[in-house]
Amino acid sequence: MPLSGRTLPVSSELRWLLDQWQSDGRWPVPEAPRPTSAIVLIRDAVDGLEVFITRQLDARGVEDRNRWAFPTTSLRPGDVRKLPLAGWNSARCARALSIENRSRALHHFSAAARIAFAATGVLLAEDVDREIVAAPQTDWRGTRSRLFTNEVSWSQILRDRDLRLRPDLCKPWLRWINTPTQLHRFDTTFFIATVPFGQEVDFLSPNETSGGWKRPGQILAEAGGDPNSIGASARLIVESLAEVATVGAAMAQVRNVHPLRPEVISVDGEWKVVIQAGKDPHGKGSLRDRAIAVGENDNDQNPGFLTFSGDDDEDDRTDEESEDS
């Protein structure tokens, strides 16, 4: 469905903050959005497309508690430092995201693959025989736990196992920069990916979050119109996939990943999230985003875990690795 000019309700916690700020007559200075990546795993099932989605605990102190969400992470320096690559290089990743910053683009792809591996055990990489990894090794659960706590870097894991990241297995789907009125701001690029043949999802969470496969229609029915059950960005993604019949159809879509920058306004005394006209990710074509929300500095580093083609030659790949390191 079209998103231009659409309004969505805000969560009860954000509504409380907005009411407090309005009553005080003082609004906070927005912080710069932190760049993050999220992974949306999809698969074909008998009843149609399914997505792997998580649900946070209903407990205070947990980010987005009791909400349907997708595994999401901040970018880490180890995502790109001496990163072994196959298929696409950073220039191709930048074209896919329609941004100028090649290192930042590769960083987003790599972080999405990292959180896919850490949270679900799905490895989007190829081995020394240039075959996509078919079955994880038995000791990888311990490695994934260390990846959550940042005891080991993503690029180091790949190098130690003689594996190379395959960015082309991730498809950019939606870029969302949450509203300036929120205490913590994120510039999140959501990627979709399918589980490679021979692999299975093995969900692992650092905070006892649950996860599983569901049809998009099921998620929307269970969440209803409650913003406390599902965030705006997750809702838009689930809605867009509800209209897709198969994995192949999803991967073949042409997505406009120009960032959506929602705003919060008061409508008849009720706070609403508004997606302004001209920011419809369903449109075809690409828009170059020259003003990345957090700047163009390749050395910008934001480590931490939140919640959970062959037109590139070998010389370009080697230069890129030494530059990123």
C-alpha atoms as a PDB file:
ATOM      1  CA  MET A   1       0.000   0.000   0.000  1.00  0.00           C
ATOM      2  CA  PRO A   2       1.228   3.562  -0.592  1.00  0.00           C
ATOM      3  CA  LEU A   3       3.002   5.146   2.349  1.00  0.00           C
ATOM      4  CA  SER A   4       2.966   8.808   1.313  1.00  0.00           C
ATOM      5  CA  GLY A   5       1.190  10.973   3.861  1.00  0.00           C
ATOM      6  CA  ARG A   6       0.339   7.992   6.071  1.00  0.00           C
ATOM      7  CA  THR A   7      -0.157   8.420   9.802  1.00  0.00           C
ATOM      8  CA  LEU A   8       0.507   5.787  12.476  1.00  0.00           C
ATOM      9  CA  PRO A   9      -0.085   5.892  16.256  1.00  0.00           C
ATOM     10  CA  VAL A  10       2.832   6.300  18.665  1.00  0.00           C
ATOM     11  CA  SER A  11       3.679   3.908  21.489  1.00  0.00           C
ATOM     12  CA  SER A  12       2.495   4.638  25.019  1.00  0.00           C
ATOM     13  CA  GLU A  13       6.036   5.357  26.227  1.00  0.00           C
ATOM     14  CA  LEU A  14       6.716   7.848  23.430  1.00  0.00           C
ATOM     15  CA  ARG A  15       3.323   9.435  24.026  1.00  0.00           C
ATOM     16  CA  TRP A  16       4.214   9.939  27.700  1.00  0.00           C
ATOM     17  CA  LEU A  17       7.501  11.614  26.734  1.00  0.00           C
ATOM     18  CA  LEU A  18       5.801  13.859  24.194  1.00  0.00           C
ATOM     19  CA  ASP A  19       3.178  14.904  26.737  1.00  0.00           C
ATOM     20  CA  GLN A  20       5.890  15.738  29.269  1.00  0.00           C
ATOM     21  CA  TRP A  21       7.908  17.803  26.807  1.00  0.00           C
ATOM     22  CA  GLN A  22       4.835  19.628  25.601  1.00  0.00           C
ATOM     23  CA  SER A  23       3.707  20.486  29.127  1.00  0.00           C
ATOM     24  CA  ASP A  24       7.190  21.772  30.019  1.00  0.00           C
ATOM     25  CA  GLY A  25       7.363  23.778  26.811  1.00  0.00           C
ATOM     26  CA  ARG A  26      10.900  22.501  26.224  1.00  0.00           C
ATOM     27  CA  TRP A  27      11.803  20.035  23.503  1.00  0.00           C
ATOM     28  CA  PRO A  28      15.057  18.072  23.534  1.00  0.00           C
ATOM     29  CA  VAL A  29      17.832  18.719  21.049  1.00  0.00           C
ATOM     30  CA  PRO A  30      17.768  15.736  18.663  1.00  0.00           C
ATOM     31  CA  GLU A  31      20.823  13.514  18.782  1.00  0.00           C
ATOM     32  CA  ALA A  32      22.530  12.339  15.596  1.00  0.00           C
ATOM     33  CA  PRO A  33      21.056   9.004  14.457  1.00  0.00           C
ATOM     34  CA  ARG A  34      23.313   6.026  15.065  1.00  0.00           C
ATOM     35  CA  PRO A  35      23.828   3.886  11.929  1.00  0.00           C
ATOM     36  CA  THR A  36      22.406   0.380  12.330  1.00  0.00           C
ATOM     37  CA  SER A  37      21.535  -2.637  10.207  1.00  0.00           C
ATOM     38  CA  ALA A  38      18.722  -5.165  10.542  1.00  0.00           C
ATOM     39  CA  ILE A  39      18.078  -8.525   8.909  1.00  0.00           C
ATOM     40  CA  VAL A  40      14.714  -9.888   7.783  1.00  0.00           C
ATOM     41  CA  LEU A  41      14.972 -13.580   6.928  1.00  0.00           C
ATOM     42  CA  ILE A  42      12.307 -14.906   4.555  1.00  0.00           C
ATOM     43  CA  ARG A  43      11.376 -18.357   3.277  1.00  0.00           C
ATOM     44  CA  ASP A  44       8.775 -20.066   1.111  1.00  0.00           C
ATOM     45  CA  ALA A  45       6.164 -22.141   2.943  1.00  0.00           C
ATOM     46  CA  VAL A  46       3.038 -24.086   2.009  1.00  0.00           C
ATOM     47  CA  ASP A  47       0.756 -21.177   2.909  1.00  0.00           C
ATOM     48  CA  GLY A  48       2.979 -18.499   1.384  1.00  0.00           C
ATOM     49  CA  LEU A  49       5.952 -16.373   2.339  1.00  0.00           C
ATOM     50  CA  GLU A  50       7.111 -16.455   5.973  1.00  0.00           C
ATOM     51  CA  VAL A  51       9.422 -14.100   7.857  1.00  0.00           C
ATOM     52  CA  PHE A  52      11.599 -14.771  10.889  1.00  0.00           C
ATOM     53  CA  ILE A  53      10.608 -12.241  13.531  1.00  0.00           C
ATOM     54  CA  THR A  54      11.453 -11.793  17.198  1.00  0.00           C
ATOM     55  CA  ARG A  55       9.492 -10.630  20.208  1.00  0.00           C
ATOM     56  CA  GLN A  56      11.086  -8.817  23.125  1.00  0.00           C
ATOM     57  CA  LEU A  57      10.370  -9.627  26.732  1.00  0.00           C
ATOM     58  CA  ASP A  58       7.662  -7.572  28.411  1.00  0.00           C
ATOM     59  CA  ALA A  59      10.064  -6.246  31.020  1.00  0.00           C
ATOM     60  CA  ARG A  60      11.399  -2.813  31.883  1.00  0.00           C
ATOM     61  CA  GLY A  61      14.921  -2.118  30.782  1.00  0.00           C
ATOM     62  CA  VAL A  62      14.514  -4.094  27.574  1.00  0.00           C
ATOM     63  CA  GLU A  63      14.594  -2.071  24.367  1.00  0.00           C
ATOM     64  CA  ASP A  64      11.220  -2.148  22.566  1.00  0.00           C
ATOM     65  CA  ARG A  65       9.775  -4.509  25.145  1.00  0.00           C
ATOM     66  CA  ASN A  66       7.042  -6.904  24.098  1.00  0.00           C
ATOM     67  CA  ARG A  67       7.271  -5.799  20.460  1.00  0.00           C
ATOM     68  CA  TRP A  68       7.564  -7.678  17.210  1.00  0.00           C
ATOM     69  CA  ALA A  69      10.912  -6.713  15.732  1.00  0.00           C
ATOM     70  CA  PHE A  70      13.779  -7.897  13.555  1.00  0.00           C
ATOM     71  CA  PRO A  71      17.371  -8.595  14.702  1.00  0.00           C
ATOM     72  CA  THR A  72      19.124  -5.216  14.661  1.00  0.00           C
ATOM     73  CA  THR A  73      22.651  -4.081  15.489  1.00  0.00           C
ATOM     74  CA  SER A  74      24.928  -1.068  15.513  1.00  0.00           C
ATOM     75  CA  LEU A  75      27.863  -0.991  13.121  1.00  0.00           C
ATOM     76  CA  ARG A  76      31.152  -2.200  14.591  1.00  0.00           C
ATOM     77  CA  PRO A  77      34.726  -1.522  13.422  1.00  0.00           C
ATOM     78  CA  GLY A  78      35.357  -5.274  13.129  1.00  0.00           C
ATOM     79  CA  ASP A  79      32.616  -5.557  10.516  1.00  0.00           C
ATOM     80  CA  VAL A  80      34.879  -4.173   7.785  1.00  0.00           C
ATOM     81  CA  ARG A  81      38.461  -4.329   9.067  1.00  0.00           C
ATOM     82  CA  LYS A  82      40.345  -6.772   6.804  1.00  0.00           C
ATOM     83  CA  LEU A  83      36.999  -8.199   5.721  1.00  0.00           C
ATOM     84  CA  PRO A  84      37.253 -11.105   3.243  1.00  0.00           C
ATOM     85  CA  LEU A  85      34.768 -10.498   0.415  1.00  0.00           C
ATOM     86  CA  ALA A  86      33.276 -12.344  -2.513  1.00  0.00           C
ATOM     87  CA  GLY A  87      30.742 -11.334  -5.135  1.00  0.00           C
ATOM     88  CA  TRP A  88      30.379  -7.609  -4.434  1.00  0.00           C
ATOM     89  CA  ASN A  89      32.859  -4.995  -3.309  1.00  0.00           C
ATOM     90  CA  SER A  90      32.139  -1.752  -1.459  1.00  0.00           C
ATOM     91  CA  ALA A  91      31.413   0.178  -4.670  1.00  0.00           C
ATOM     92  CA  ARG A  92      28.664  -2.270  -5.613  1.00  0.00           C
ATOM     93  CA  CYS A  93      27.239  -2.064  -2.071  1.00  0.00           C
ATOM     94  CA  ALA A  94      27.164   1.733  -2.337  1.00  0.00           C
ATOM     95  CA  ARG A  95      25.260   1.530  -5.612  1.00  0.00           C
ATOM     96  CA  ALA A  96      22.749  -0.859  -4.044  1.00  0.00           C
ATOM     97  CA  LEU A  97      22.125   1.596  -1.197  1.00  0.00           C
ATOM     98  CA  SER A  98      22.272   4.682  -3.453  1.00  0.00           C
ATOM     99  CA  ILE A  99      24.844   6.416  -1.257  1.00  0.00           C
ATOM    100  CA  GLU A 100      28.285   7.855  -1.948  1.00  0.00           C
ATOM    101  CA  ASN A 101      30.154   6.450   1.038  1.00  0.00           C
ATOM    102  CA  ARG A 102      31.472   3.066  -0.103  1.00  0.00           C
ATOM    103  CA  SER A 103      32.906   2.071   3.270  1.00  0.00           C
ATOM    104  CA  ARG A 104      29.663   2.939   5.059  1.00  0.00           C
ATOM    105  CA  ALA A 105      27.658   0.949   2.520  1.00  0.00           C
ATOM    106  CA  LEU A 106      29.838  -2.148   2.947  1.00  0.00           C
ATOM    107  CA  HIS A 107      29.629  -1.645   6.705  1.00  0.00           C
ATOM    108  CA  HIS A 108      25.828  -1.858   6.587  1.00  0.00           C
ATOM    109  CA  PHE A 109      25.880  -5.061   4.520  1.00  0.00           C
ATOM    110  CA  SER A 110      28.487  -6.662   6.771  1.00  0.00           C
ATOM    111  CA  ALA A 111      26.655  -5.724   9.976  1.00  0.00           C
ATOM    112  CA  ALA A 112      23.437  -7.229   8.606  1.00  0.00           C
ATOM    113  CA  ALA A 113      25.257 -10.487   7.840  1.00  0.00           C
ATOM    114  CA  ARG A 114      26.851 -10.429  11.288  1.00  0.00           C
ATOM    115  CA  ILE A 115      23.567 -10.100  13.161  1.00  0.00           C
ATOM    116  CA  ALA A 116      22.044 -12.790  10.940  1.00  0.00           C
ATOM    117  CA  PHE A 117      24.803 -15.165  12.047  1.00  0.00           C
ATOM    118  CA  ALA A 118      24.842 -14.123  15.713  1.00  0.00           C
ATOM    119  CA  ALA A 119      21.079 -14.166  16.222  1.00  0.00           C
ATOM    120  CA  THR A 120      19.895 -16.902  13.869  1.00  0.00           C
ATOM    121  CA  GLY A 121      22.980 -18.920  12.936  1.00  0.00           C
ATOM    122  CA  VAL A 122      22.451 -18.179   9.242  1.00  0.00           C
ATOM    123  CA  LEU A 123      25.806 -17.656   7.529  1.00  0.00           C
ATOM    124  CA  LEU A 124      25.786 -15.568   4.354  1.00  0.00           C
ATOM    125  CA  ALA A 125      29.266 -16.509   3.178  1.00  0.00           C
ATOM    126  CA  GLU A 126      31.145 -18.812   0.840  1.00  0.00           C
ATOM    127  CA  ASP A 127      33.969 -21.263   1.513  1.00  0.00           C
ATOM    128  CA  VAL A 128      37.336 -21.795  -0.156  1.00  0.00           C
ATOM    129  CA  ASP A 129      35.627 -23.744  -2.947  1.00  0.00           C
ATOM    130  CA  ARG A 130      33.442 -20.697  -3.682  1.00  0.00           C
ATOM    131  CA  GLU A 131      30.366 -22.568  -2.517  1.00  0.00           C
ATOM    132  CA  ILE A 132      27.818 -20.912  -0.242  1.00  0.00           C
ATOM    133  CA  VAL A 133      28.167 -22.414   3.214  1.00  0.00           C
ATOM    134  CA  ALA A 134      25.616 -25.214   3.491  1.00  0.00           C
ATOM    135  CA  ALA A 135      25.857 -26.347   7.111  1.00  0.00           C
ATOM    136  CA  PRO A 136      27.324 -24.495  10.130  1.00  0.00           C
ATOM    137  CA  GLN A 137      29.934 -26.252  12.239  1.00  0.00           C
ATOM    138  CA  THR A 138      28.932 -27.661  15.610  1.00  0.00           C
ATOM    139  CA  ASP A 139      31.077 -25.254  17.633  1.00  0.00           C
ATOM    140  CA  TRP A 140      29.604 -22.119  16.100  1.00  0.00           C
ATOM    141  CA  ARG A 141      27.095 -21.476  18.913  1.00  0.00           C
ATOM    142  CA  GLY A 142      29.924 -20.532  21.267  1.00  0.00           C
ATOM    143  CA  THR A 143      31.424 -18.303  18.589  1.00  0.00           C
ATOM    144  CA  ARG A 144      28.067 -16.589  18.113  1.00  0.00           C
ATOM    145  CA  SER A 145      27.811 -15.906  21.847  1.00  0.00           C
ATOM    146  CA  ARG A 146      31.256 -14.286  21.781  1.00  0.00           C
ATOM    147  CA  LEU A 147      30.153 -12.247  18.793  1.00  0.00           C
ATOM    148  CA  PHE A 148      27.224 -10.878  20.804  1.00  0.00           C
ATOM    149  CA  THR A 149      29.562  -9.682  23.553  1.00  0.00           C
ATOM    150  CA  ASN A 150      32.103  -8.297  21.058  1.00  0.00           C
ATOM    151  CA  GLU A 151      34.818 -10.663  22.294  1.00  0.00           C
ATOM    152  CA  VAL A 152      35.578 -11.539  18.689  1.00  0.00           C
ATOM    153  CA  SER A 153      35.079  -9.536  15.512  1.00  0.00           C
ATOM    154  CA  TRP A 154      32.960 -10.598  12.573  1.00  0.00           C
ATOM    155  CA  SER A 155      35.791 -10.251  10.057  1.00  0.00           C
ATOM    156  CA  GLN A 156      38.071 -12.314  12.299  1.00  0.00           C
ATOM    157  CA  ILE A 157      35.532 -15.143  12.414  1.00  0.00           C
ATOM    158  CA  LEU A 158      35.380 -15.217   8.633  1.00  0.00           C
ATOM    159  CA  ARG A 159      39.178 -15.124   8.239  1.00  0.00           C
ATOM    160  CA  ASP A 160      39.759 -17.842  10.833  1.00  0.00           C
ATOM    161  CA  ARG A 161      37.330 -20.143   9.006  1.00  0.00           C
ATOM    162  CA  ASP A 162      38.604 -19.323   5.498  1.00  0.00           C
ATOM    163  CA  LEU A 163      35.215 -17.867   4.587  1.00  0.00           C
ATOM    164  CA  ARG A 164      34.282 -14.810   2.545  1.00  0.00           C
ATOM    165  CA  LEU A 165      31.270 -12.595   3.053  1.00  0.00           C
ATOM    166  CA  ARG A 166      28.661 -12.575   0.284  1.00  0.00           C
ATOM    167  CA  PRO A 167      26.984  -9.122   0.410  1.00  0.00           C
ATOM    168  CA  ASP A 168      24.932  -9.995  -2.665  1.00  0.00           C
ATOM    169  CA  LEU A 169      22.895 -12.443  -0.544  1.00  0.00           C
ATOM    170  CA  CYS A 170      21.417  -9.454   1.334  1.00  0.00           C
ATOM    171  CA  LYS A 171      18.871  -7.243  -0.422  1.00  0.00           C
ATOM    172  CA  PRO A 172      18.299  -3.681   0.874  1.00  0.00           C
ATOM    173  CA  TRP A 173      14.591  -3.314   1.621  1.00  0.00           C
ATOM    174  CA  LEU A 174      13.940  -0.201   3.707  1.00  0.00           C
ATOM    175  CA  ARG A 175      15.917   2.617   5.299  1.00  0.00           C
ATOM    176  CA  TRP A 176      14.296   4.216   8.334  1.00  0.00           C
ATOM    177  CA  ILE A 177      15.526   7.154  10.439  1.00  0.00           C
ATOM    178  CA  ASN A 178      13.346   7.389  13.518  1.00  0.00           C
ATOM    179  CA  THR A 179      11.874  10.680  14.675  1.00  0.00           C
ATOM    180  CA  PRO A 180      13.898  13.515  16.290  1.00  0.00           C
ATOM    181  CA  THR A 181      11.589  13.401  19.326  1.00  0.00           C
ATOM    182  CA  GLN A 182      12.853  10.011  20.494  1.00  0.00           C
ATOM    183  CA  LEU A 183      15.521   9.674  23.167  1.00  0.00           C
ATOM    184  CA  HIS A 184      17.623   7.310  21.067  1.00  0.00           C
ATOM    185  CA  ARG A 185      17.811   7.791  17.337  1.00  0.00           C
ATOM    186  CA  PHE A 186      18.853   5.233  14.738  1.00  0.00           C
ATOM    187  CA  ASP A 187      19.409   5.293  11.001  1.00  0.00           C
ATOM    188  CA  THR A 188      18.537   1.689  10.181  1.00  0.00           C
ATOM    189  CA  THR A 189      18.930  -0.112   6.887  1.00  0.00           C
ATOM    190  CA  PHE A 190      16.756  -3.239   6.757  1.00  0.00           C
ATOM    191  CA  PHE A 191      17.906  -6.095   4.519  1.00  0.00           C
ATOM    192  CA  ILE A 192      16.015  -9.198   3.475  1.00  0.00           C
ATOM    193  CA  ALA A 193      17.749 -12.521   2.901  1.00  0.00           C
ATOM    194  CA  THR A 194      16.775 -16.125   2.445  1.00  0.00           C
ATOM    195  CA  VAL A 195      18.268 -19.039   4.374  1.00  0.00           C
ATOM    196  CA  PRO A 196      20.893 -20.761   2.169  1.00  0.00           C
ATOM    197  CA  PHE A 197      20.217 -24.352   1.195  1.00  0.00           C
ATOM    198  CA  GLY A 198      21.349 -26.762   3.899  1.00  0.00           C
ATOM    199  CA  GLN A 199      21.205 -24.216   6.718  1.00  0.00           C
ATOM    200  CA  GLU A 200      18.540 -23.863   9.403  1.00  0.00           C
ATOM    201  CA  VAL A 201      17.690 -21.066  11.801  1.00  0.00           C
ATOM    202  CA  ASP A 202      19.064 -21.652  15.300  1.00  0.00           C
ATOM    203  CA  PHE A 203      17.864 -18.651  17.297  1.00  0.00           C
ATOM    204  CA  LEU A 204      20.166 -17.295  19.993  1.00  0.00           C
ATOM    205  CA  SER A 205      19.412 -14.217  22.082  1.00  0.00           C
ATOM    206  CA  PRO A 206      21.404 -12.421  24.794  1.00  0.00           C
ATOM    207  CA  ASN A 207      18.226 -11.274  26.580  1.00  0.00           C
ATOM    208  CA  GLU A 208      15.825 -14.235  26.292  1.00  0.00           C
ATOM    209  CA  THR A 209      13.921 -12.720  23.407  1.00  0.00           C
ATOM    210  CA  SER A 210      11.869 -15.277  21.487  1.00  0.00           C
ATOM    211  CA  GLY A 211      11.853 -15.717  17.723  1.00  0.00           C
ATOM    212  CA  GLY A 212      10.156 -17.778  15.061  1.00  0.00           C
ATOM    213  CA  TRP A 213       8.698 -18.029  11.563  1.00  0.00           C
ATOM    214  CA  LYS A 214       5.367 -16.368  10.876  1.00  0.00           C
ATOM    215  CA  ARG A 215       3.358 -15.286   7.878  1.00  0.00           C
ATOM    216  CA  PRO A 216       3.155 -11.496   7.555  1.00  0.00           C
ATOM    217  CA  GLY A 217      -0.638 -11.663   7.807  1.00  0.00           C
ATOM    218  CA  GLN A 218      -0.365 -13.498  11.126  1.00  0.00           C
ATOM    219  CA  ILE A 219       1.911 -10.833  12.562  1.00  0.00           C
ATOM    220  CA  LEU A 220      -0.385  -8.012  11.480  1.00  0.00           C
ATOM    221  CA  ALA A 221      -3.420  -9.815  12.894  1.00  0.00           C
ATOM    222  CA  GLU A 222      -1.742 -10.403  16.268  1.00  0.00           C
ATOM    223  CA  ALA A 223      -0.331  -6.864  16.470  1.00  0.00           C
ATOM    224  CA  GLY A 224      -3.551  -5.212  15.303  1.00  0.00           C
ATOM    225  CA  GLY A 225      -3.300  -1.446  15.432  1.00  0.00           C
ATOM    226  CA  ASP A 226      -1.375  -1.457  18.708  1.00  0.00           C
ATOM    227  CA  PRO A 227       1.883   0.539  18.396  1.00  0.00           C
ATOM    228  CA  ASN A 228       3.106  -1.127  21.602  1.00  0.00           C
ATOM    229  CA  SER A 229       3.079  -4.489  19.799  1.00  0.00           C
ATOM    230  CA  ILE A 230       4.978  -3.496  16.673  1.00  0.00           C
ATOM    231  CA  GLY A 231       7.030  -0.444  15.719  1.00  0.00           C
ATOM    232  CA  ALA A 232       6.304   1.650  12.640  1.00  0.00           C
ATOM    233  CA  SER A 233       9.292   0.437  10.604  1.00  0.00           C
ATOM    234  CA  ALA A 234       8.634  -3.241  11.386  1.00  0.00           C
ATOM    235  CA  ARG A 235       4.970  -2.756  10.491  1.00  0.00           C
ATOM    236  CA  LEU A 236       5.851  -1.257   7.108  1.00  0.00           C
ATOM    237  CA  ILE A 237       8.200  -4.130   6.331  1.00  0.00           C
ATOM    238  CA  VAL A 238       5.674  -6.791   7.324  1.00  0.00           C
ATOM    239  CA  GLU A 239       2.953  -5.060   5.297  1.00  0.00           C
ATOM    240  CA  SER A 240       5.167  -4.879   2.222  1.00  0.00           C
ATOM    241  CA  LEU A 241       6.029  -8.585   2.467  1.00  0.00           C
ATOM    242  CA  ALA A 242       2.379  -9.542   2.975  1.00  0.00           C
ATOM    243  CA  GLU A 243       1.849  -8.597  -0.658  1.00  0.00           C
ATOM    244  CA  VAL A 244       4.730 -10.792  -1.920  1.00  0.00           C
ATOM    245  CA  ALA A 245       3.977 -14.371  -2.888  1.00  0.00           C
ATOM    246  CA  THR A 246       7.430 -15.991  -2.893  1.00  0.00           C
ATOM    247  CA  VAL A 247      11.065 -15.489  -1.959  1.00  0.00           C
ATOM    248  CA  GLY A 248      11.921 -15.159  -5.629  1.00  0.00           C
ATOM    249  CA  ALA A 249       9.386 -12.381  -6.072  1.00  0.00           C
ATOM    250  CA  ALA A 250      10.769 -10.544  -3.047  1.00  0.00           C
ATOM    251  CA  MET A 251      14.383 -10.754  -4.187  1.00  0.00           C
ATOM    252  CA  ALA A 252      13.386  -9.565  -7.664  1.00  0.00           C
ATOM    253  CA  GLN A 253      11.681  -6.390  -6.424  1.00  0.00           C
ATOM    254  CA  VAL A 254      13.199  -3.018  -7.275  1.00  0.00           C
ATOM    255  CA  ARG A 255      13.301  -1.102  -4.013  1.00  0.00           C
ATOM    256  CA  ASN A 256      13.776   2.611  -3.490  1.00  0.00           C
ATOM    257  CA  VAL A 257      15.913   2.833  -0.345  1.00  0.00           C
ATOM    258  CA  HIS A 258      15.854   6.599  -0.037  1.00  0.00           C
ATOM    259  CA  PRO A 259      15.555   7.094   3.747  1.00  0.00           C
ATOM    260  CA  LEU A 260      12.163   7.552   5.327  1.00  0.00           C
ATOM    261  CA  ARG A 261      12.274  10.343   7.917  1.00  0.00           C
ATOM    262  CA  PRO A 262       8.974  10.218   9.825  1.00  0.00           C
ATOM    263  CA  GLU A 263       7.772  13.121  11.923  1.00  0.00           C
ATOM    264  CA  VAL A 264       5.618  13.280  15.045  1.00  0.00           C
ATOM    265  CA  ILE A 265       2.671  15.676  15.011  1.00  0.00           C
ATOM    266  CA  SER A 266      -0.465  16.237  17.074  1.00  0.00           C
ATOM    267  CA  VAL A 267      -3.721  15.421  15.276  1.00  0.00           C
ATOM    268  CA  ASP A 268      -6.881  16.348  17.203  1.00  0.00           C
ATOM    269  CA  GLY A 269      -4.977  16.048  20.454  1.00  0.00           C
ATOM    270  CA  GLU A 270      -3.456  12.674  19.561  1.00  0.00           C
ATOM    271  CA  TRP A 271       0.206  12.141  18.738  1.00  0.00           C
ATOM    272  CA  LYS A 272       0.832  10.534  15.342  1.00  0.00           C
ATOM    273  CA  VAL A 273       3.844   9.396  13.354  1.00  0.00           C
ATOM    274  CA  VAL A 274       3.585  10.885   9.870  1.00  0.00           C
ATOM    275  CA  ILE A 275       5.407   9.611   6.784  1.00  0.00           C
ATOM    276  CA  GLN A 276       5.588  12.566   4.463  1.00  0.00           C
ATOM    277  CA  ALA A 277       4.793  12.489   0.747  1.00  0.00           C
ATOM    278  CA  GLY A 278       7.598  11.680  -1.640  1.00  0.00           C
ATOM    279  CA  LYS A 279       9.211   9.086   0.617  1.00  0.00           C
ATOM    280  CA  ASP A 280       7.566   5.960  -0.758  1.00  0.00           C
ATOM    281  CA  PRO A 281       9.993   2.987  -0.738  1.00  0.00           C
ATOM    282  CA  HIS A 282       7.753   1.027  -3.092  1.00  0.00           C
ATOM    283  CA  GLY A 283       8.586   3.303  -6.023  1.00  0.00           C
ATOM    284  CA  LYS A 284      10.982   2.086  -8.665  1.00  0.00           C
ATOM    285  CA  GLY A 285      14.278   3.738  -9.421  1.00  0.00           C
ATOM    286  CA  SER A 286      16.960   5.056  -7.094  1.00  0.00           C
ATOM    287  CA  LEU A 287      17.582   8.357  -5.373  1.00  0.00           C
ATOM    288  CA  ARG A 288      21.110   9.339  -4.394  1.00  0.00           C
ATOM    289  CA  ASP A 289      21.314  10.353  -0.783  1.00  0.00           C
ATOM    290  CA  ARG A 290      24.230  12.787  -0.531  1.00  0.00           C
ATOM    291  CA  ALA A 291      23.483  13.860   3.032  1.00  0.00           C
ATOM    292  CA  ILE A 292      23.816  10.749   5.145  1.00  0.00           C
ATOM    293  CA  ALA A 293      22.289  11.474   8.518  1.00  0.00           C
ATOM    294  CA  VAL A 294      25.434  10.736  10.500  1.00  0.00           C
ATOM    295  CA  GLY A 295      27.967  12.250   8.091  1.00  0.00           C
ATOM    296  CA  GLU A 296      30.408  10.933   5.550  1.00  0.00           C
ATOM    297  CA  ASN A 297      33.305  10.011   7.827  1.00  0.00           C
ATOM    298  CA  ASP A 298      34.528   6.494   7.065  1.00  0.00           C
ATOM    299  CA  ASN A 299      36.080   6.318  10.537  1.00  0.00           C
ATOM    300  CA  ASP A 300      32.799   6.888  12.344  1.00  0.00           C
ATOM    301  CA  GLN A 301      32.520   3.938  14.716  1.00  0.00           C
ATOM    302  CA  ASN A 302      29.487   2.918  16.765  1.00  0.00           C
ATOM    303  CA  PRO A 303      30.129  -0.518  18.284  1.00  0.00           C
ATOM    304  CA  GLY A 304      27.511  -2.413  20.211  1.00  0.00           C
ATOM    305  CA  PHE A 305      24.518  -4.740  19.907  1.00  0.00           C
ATOM    306  CA  LEU A 306      21.148  -3.062  20.222  1.00  0.00           C
ATOM    307  CA  THR A 307      18.430  -5.638  20.253  1.00  0.00           C
ATOM    308  CA  PHE A 308      18.267  -7.641  19.382  1.00  0.00           C
ATOM    309  CA  SER A 309      27.745 -10.071  -9.474  1.00  0.00           C
ATOM    310  CA  GLY A 310      30.738 -10.010 -10.706  1.00  0.00           C
ATOM    311  CA  ASP A 311      31.478  -6.607 -12.150  1.00  0.00           C
ATOM    312  CA  ASP A 312      34.084  -6.006  -9.414  1.00  0.00           C
ATOM    313  CA  ASP A 313      37.664  -7.043 -10.039  1.00  0.00           C
ATOM    314  CA  GLU A 314      40.173  -8.483  -7.599  1.00  0.00           C
ATOM    315  CA  ASP A 315      42.402  -5.391  -7.600  1.00  0.00           C
ATOM    316  CA  ASP A 316      39.540  -3.210  -6.389  1.00  0.00           C
ATOM    317  CA  ARG A 317      38.770  -5.682  -3.629  1.00  0.00           C
ATOM    318  CA  THR A 318      42.352  -5.715  -2.380  1.00  0.00           C
ATOM    319  CA  ASP A 319      42.585  -1.912  -2.309  1.00  0.00           C
ATOM    320  CA  GLU A 320      39.325  -1.722  -0.434  1.00  0.00           C
ATOM    321  CA  GLU A 321      40.439  -4.124   2.290  1.00  0.00           C
ATOM    322  CA  SER A 322      43.670  -2.244   2.965  1.00  0.00           C
ATOM    323  CA  GLU A 323      41.806   1.074   3.009  1.00  0.00           C
ATOM    324  CA  ASP A 324      39.162  -0.140   5.456  1.00  0.00           C
ATOM    325  CA  SER A 325      41.787  -1.636   7.761  1.00  0.00           C
END
